[in-house]
């Protein structure tokens, strides 16, 4: 399984970022620029971002729950 990373920026210019072969980069930019690299999926689209959230919802909640467990 490939490692997944989310990159959030406020860049006004396009940027390049090299992903490793075993990594998928997702990006979201609050300004005008984009992350322009092979293997990057840009989520500056509400439907794409929502679709990813629905797919990853259970894994994310399991991860957060595991970090919030109280150990007696």
N, C-alpha and C. Protein backbone atom coordinates (compact mmCIF):
# COMPACT_ATOMS: atom_id res chain seq x y z
N UNK A 1 0.84 -1.18 0.00
CA UNK A 1 0.00 0.00 0.00
C UNK A 1 0.89 1.25 0.00
N UNK A 2 0.53 2.20 -0.82
CA UNK A 2 1.31 3.43 -0.91
C UNK A 2 0.97 4.37 0.24
N UNK A 3 1.99 5.09 0.70
CA UNK A 3 1.81 6.11 1.72
C UNK A 3 1.04 7.27 1.10
N UNK A 4 0.09 7.83 1.83
CA UNK A 4 -0.70 8.96 1.34
C UNK A 4 -0.41 10.17 2.20
N UNK A 5 -0.17 11.30 1.55
CA UNK A 5 0.11 12.55 2.26
C UNK A 5 -0.75 13.66 1.68
N UNK A 6 -1.19 14.56 2.55
CA UNK A 6 -1.96 15.73 2.13
C UNK A 6 -1.10 16.97 2.33
N UNK A 7 -0.94 17.75 1.27
CA UNK A 7 -0.18 18.99 1.31
C UNK A 7 -1.17 20.14 1.17
N UNK A 8 -1.19 21.04 2.15
CA UNK A 8 -2.09 22.20 2.12
C UNK A 8 -1.23 23.45 2.04
N UNK A 9 -1.53 24.30 1.05
CA UNK A 9 -0.72 25.50 0.85
C UNK A 9 -1.59 26.75 0.71
N UNK A 10 -0.91 27.91 0.79
CA UNK A 10 -1.54 29.20 0.49
C UNK A 10 -0.71 29.92 -0.56
N UNK A 11 -0.20 29.17 -1.51
CA UNK A 11 0.70 29.73 -2.52
C UNK A 11 -0.08 30.44 -3.62
N UNK A 12 0.48 31.55 -4.09
CA UNK A 12 -0.13 32.24 -5.23
C UNK A 12 0.52 31.81 -6.54
N UNK A 13 1.55 30.96 -6.45
CA UNK A 13 2.25 30.47 -7.64
C UNK A 13 2.20 28.94 -7.67
N UNK A 14 2.34 28.39 -8.87
CA UNK A 14 2.42 26.94 -9.01
C UNK A 14 3.73 26.46 -8.40
N UNK A 15 3.70 25.27 -7.80
CA UNK A 15 4.88 24.70 -7.16
C UNK A 15 5.09 23.28 -7.65
N UNK A 16 6.33 22.81 -7.57
CA UNK A 16 6.63 21.43 -7.90
C UNK A 16 7.13 20.74 -6.63
N UNK A 17 6.66 19.52 -6.42
CA UNK A 17 7.08 18.72 -5.28
C UNK A 17 7.17 17.28 -5.76
N UNK A 18 8.30 16.65 -5.55
CA UNK A 18 8.51 15.30 -6.06
C UNK A 18 8.03 14.27 -5.03
N UNK A 19 7.11 13.43 -5.44
CA UNK A 19 6.64 12.35 -4.58
C UNK A 19 7.56 11.15 -4.77
N UNK A 20 7.75 10.38 -3.72
CA UNK A 20 8.54 9.15 -3.86
C UNK A 20 7.70 8.11 -4.59
N UNK A 21 8.32 7.07 -5.14
CA UNK A 21 7.58 6.07 -5.91
C UNK A 21 6.50 5.34 -5.09
N UNK A 22 6.67 5.29 -3.77
CA UNK A 22 5.68 4.59 -2.94
C UNK A 22 4.77 5.55 -2.19
N UNK A 23 4.55 6.73 -2.76
CA UNK A 23 3.76 7.76 -2.09
C UNK A 23 2.76 8.40 -3.07
N UNK A 24 1.59 8.70 -2.57
CA UNK A 24 0.59 9.46 -3.31
C UNK A 24 0.43 10.79 -2.58
N UNK A 25 0.57 11.88 -3.30
CA UNK A 25 0.39 13.21 -2.71
C UNK A 25 -0.97 13.77 -3.12
N UNK A 26 -1.71 14.24 -2.15
CA UNK A 26 -2.95 14.97 -2.38
C UNK A 26 -2.65 16.42 -2.02
N UNK A 27 -3.19 17.36 -2.76
CA UNK A 27 -2.92 18.76 -2.43
C UNK A 27 -4.21 19.58 -2.46
N UNK A 28 -4.20 20.61 -1.61
CA UNK A 28 -5.29 21.59 -1.58
C UNK A 28 -4.64 22.94 -1.38
N UNK A 29 -5.01 23.92 -2.20
CA UNK A 29 -4.42 25.24 -2.10
C UNK A 29 -5.51 26.27 -1.86
N UNK A 30 -5.32 27.10 -0.85
CA UNK A 30 -6.29 28.14 -0.51
C UNK A 30 -6.16 29.38 -1.39
N UNK A 31 -5.13 29.44 -2.20
CA UNK A 31 -4.92 30.60 -3.09
C UNK A 31 -5.03 30.14 -4.54
N UNK A 32 -4.24 30.74 -5.44
CA UNK A 32 -4.37 30.47 -6.87
C UNK A 32 -3.43 29.40 -7.40
N UNK A 33 -2.32 29.13 -6.73
CA UNK A 33 -1.33 28.19 -7.24
C UNK A 33 -1.78 26.74 -7.08
N UNK A 34 -1.08 25.86 -7.78
CA UNK A 34 -1.34 24.43 -7.65
C UNK A 34 -0.01 23.70 -7.50
N UNK A 35 -0.09 22.48 -7.02
CA UNK A 35 1.07 21.62 -6.91
C UNK A 35 1.14 20.83 -8.21
N UNK A 36 2.12 21.12 -9.04
CA UNK A 36 2.21 20.55 -10.39
C UNK A 36 3.30 19.50 -10.43
N UNK A 37 2.98 18.28 -10.11
CA UNK A 37 3.96 17.21 -10.15
C UNK A 37 3.26 15.91 -10.50
N UNK A 38 4.02 15.00 -11.05
CA UNK A 38 3.47 13.69 -11.37
C UNK A 38 3.12 12.97 -10.08
N UNK A 39 1.98 12.33 -10.04
CA UNK A 39 1.57 11.60 -8.85
C UNK A 39 0.83 12.45 -7.83
N UNK A 40 0.57 13.72 -8.14
CA UNK A 40 -0.15 14.60 -7.23
C UNK A 40 -1.61 14.70 -7.67
N UNK A 41 -2.51 14.53 -6.72
CA UNK A 41 -3.94 14.69 -6.99
C UNK A 41 -4.39 15.97 -6.32
N UNK A 42 -4.79 16.95 -7.12
CA UNK A 42 -5.22 18.25 -6.59
C UNK A 42 -6.70 18.20 -6.22
N UNK A 43 -7.01 18.66 -5.02
CA UNK A 43 -8.37 18.65 -4.52
C UNK A 43 -8.98 20.04 -4.43
N UNK A 44 -8.61 20.93 -5.33
CA UNK A 44 -9.23 22.24 -5.35
C UNK A 44 -10.56 22.14 -6.09
N UNK A 45 -11.32 21.19 -5.66
CA UNK A 45 -12.62 20.89 -6.23
C UNK A 45 -13.42 20.27 -5.09
N UNK A 46 -14.51 20.88 -4.70
CA UNK A 46 -15.27 20.44 -3.53
C UNK A 46 -15.76 19.00 -3.67
N UNK A 47 -16.18 18.59 -4.85
CA UNK A 47 -16.68 17.23 -5.03
C UNK A 47 -15.57 16.20 -4.84
N UNK A 48 -14.39 16.45 -5.41
CA UNK A 48 -13.27 15.52 -5.23
C UNK A 48 -12.88 15.42 -3.77
N UNK A 49 -12.81 16.55 -3.08
CA UNK A 49 -12.45 16.56 -1.66
C UNK A 49 -13.48 15.81 -0.84
N UNK A 50 -14.75 16.02 -1.12
CA UNK A 50 -15.81 15.32 -0.41
C UNK A 50 -15.77 13.82 -0.68
N UNK A 51 -15.54 13.42 -1.93
CA UNK A 51 -15.44 12.01 -2.28
C UNK A 51 -14.31 11.32 -1.53
N UNK A 52 -13.15 11.99 -1.45
CA UNK A 52 -12.03 11.42 -0.70
C UNK A 52 -12.38 11.28 0.78
N UNK A 53 -13.03 12.29 1.34
CA UNK A 53 -13.42 12.24 2.75
C UNK A 53 -14.34 11.05 3.02
N UNK A 54 -15.26 10.79 2.12
CA UNK A 54 -16.17 9.66 2.31
C UNK A 54 -15.43 8.33 2.24
N UNK A 55 -14.46 8.22 1.34
CA UNK A 55 -13.70 6.98 1.20
C UNK A 55 -12.81 6.75 2.43
N UNK A 56 -12.17 7.81 2.92
CA UNK A 56 -11.21 7.70 4.01
C UNK A 56 -11.82 7.84 5.40
N UNK A 57 -13.11 8.08 5.48
CA UNK A 57 -13.77 8.40 6.75
C UNK A 57 -13.48 7.36 7.85
N UNK A 58 -13.68 6.10 7.57
CA UNK A 58 -13.52 5.08 8.60
C UNK A 58 -12.07 4.93 9.05
N UNK A 59 -11.13 4.93 8.10
CA UNK A 59 -9.71 4.84 8.48
C UNK A 59 -9.31 6.03 9.33
N UNK A 60 -9.78 7.22 8.98
CA UNK A 60 -9.43 8.42 9.73
C UNK A 60 -10.02 8.37 11.15
N UNK A 61 -11.28 7.97 11.26
CA UNK A 61 -11.89 7.91 12.60
C UNK A 61 -11.21 6.84 13.45
N UNK A 62 -10.83 5.72 12.85
CA UNK A 62 -10.10 4.68 13.60
C UNK A 62 -8.75 5.21 14.08
N UNK A 63 -8.07 5.97 13.22
CA UNK A 63 -6.78 6.55 13.59
C UNK A 63 -6.94 7.52 14.76
N UNK A 64 -7.91 8.44 14.66
CA UNK A 64 -8.14 9.42 15.73
C UNK A 64 -8.54 8.71 17.02
N UNK A 65 -9.42 7.72 16.92
CA UNK A 65 -9.84 6.98 18.10
C UNK A 65 -8.64 6.30 18.78
N UNK A 66 -7.74 5.73 17.97
CA UNK A 66 -6.58 5.04 18.55
C UNK A 66 -5.67 6.02 19.29
N UNK A 67 -5.62 7.28 18.84
CA UNK A 67 -4.79 8.29 19.51
C UNK A 67 -5.45 8.83 20.77
N UNK A 68 -6.76 8.72 20.86
CA UNK A 68 -7.50 9.30 21.98
C UNK A 68 -7.88 8.28 23.07
N UNK A 69 -7.45 7.05 22.92
CA UNK A 69 -7.79 6.05 23.94
C UNK A 69 -7.13 6.38 25.27
N UNK A 70 -7.88 6.20 26.31
CA UNK A 70 -7.35 6.40 27.66
C UNK A 70 -6.83 5.05 28.15
N UNK A 71 -5.58 5.03 28.51
CA UNK A 71 -4.96 3.80 28.98
C UNK A 71 -4.99 3.80 30.51
N UNK A 72 -5.66 2.79 31.10
CA UNK A 72 -5.74 2.77 32.58
C UNK A 72 -4.42 2.50 33.24
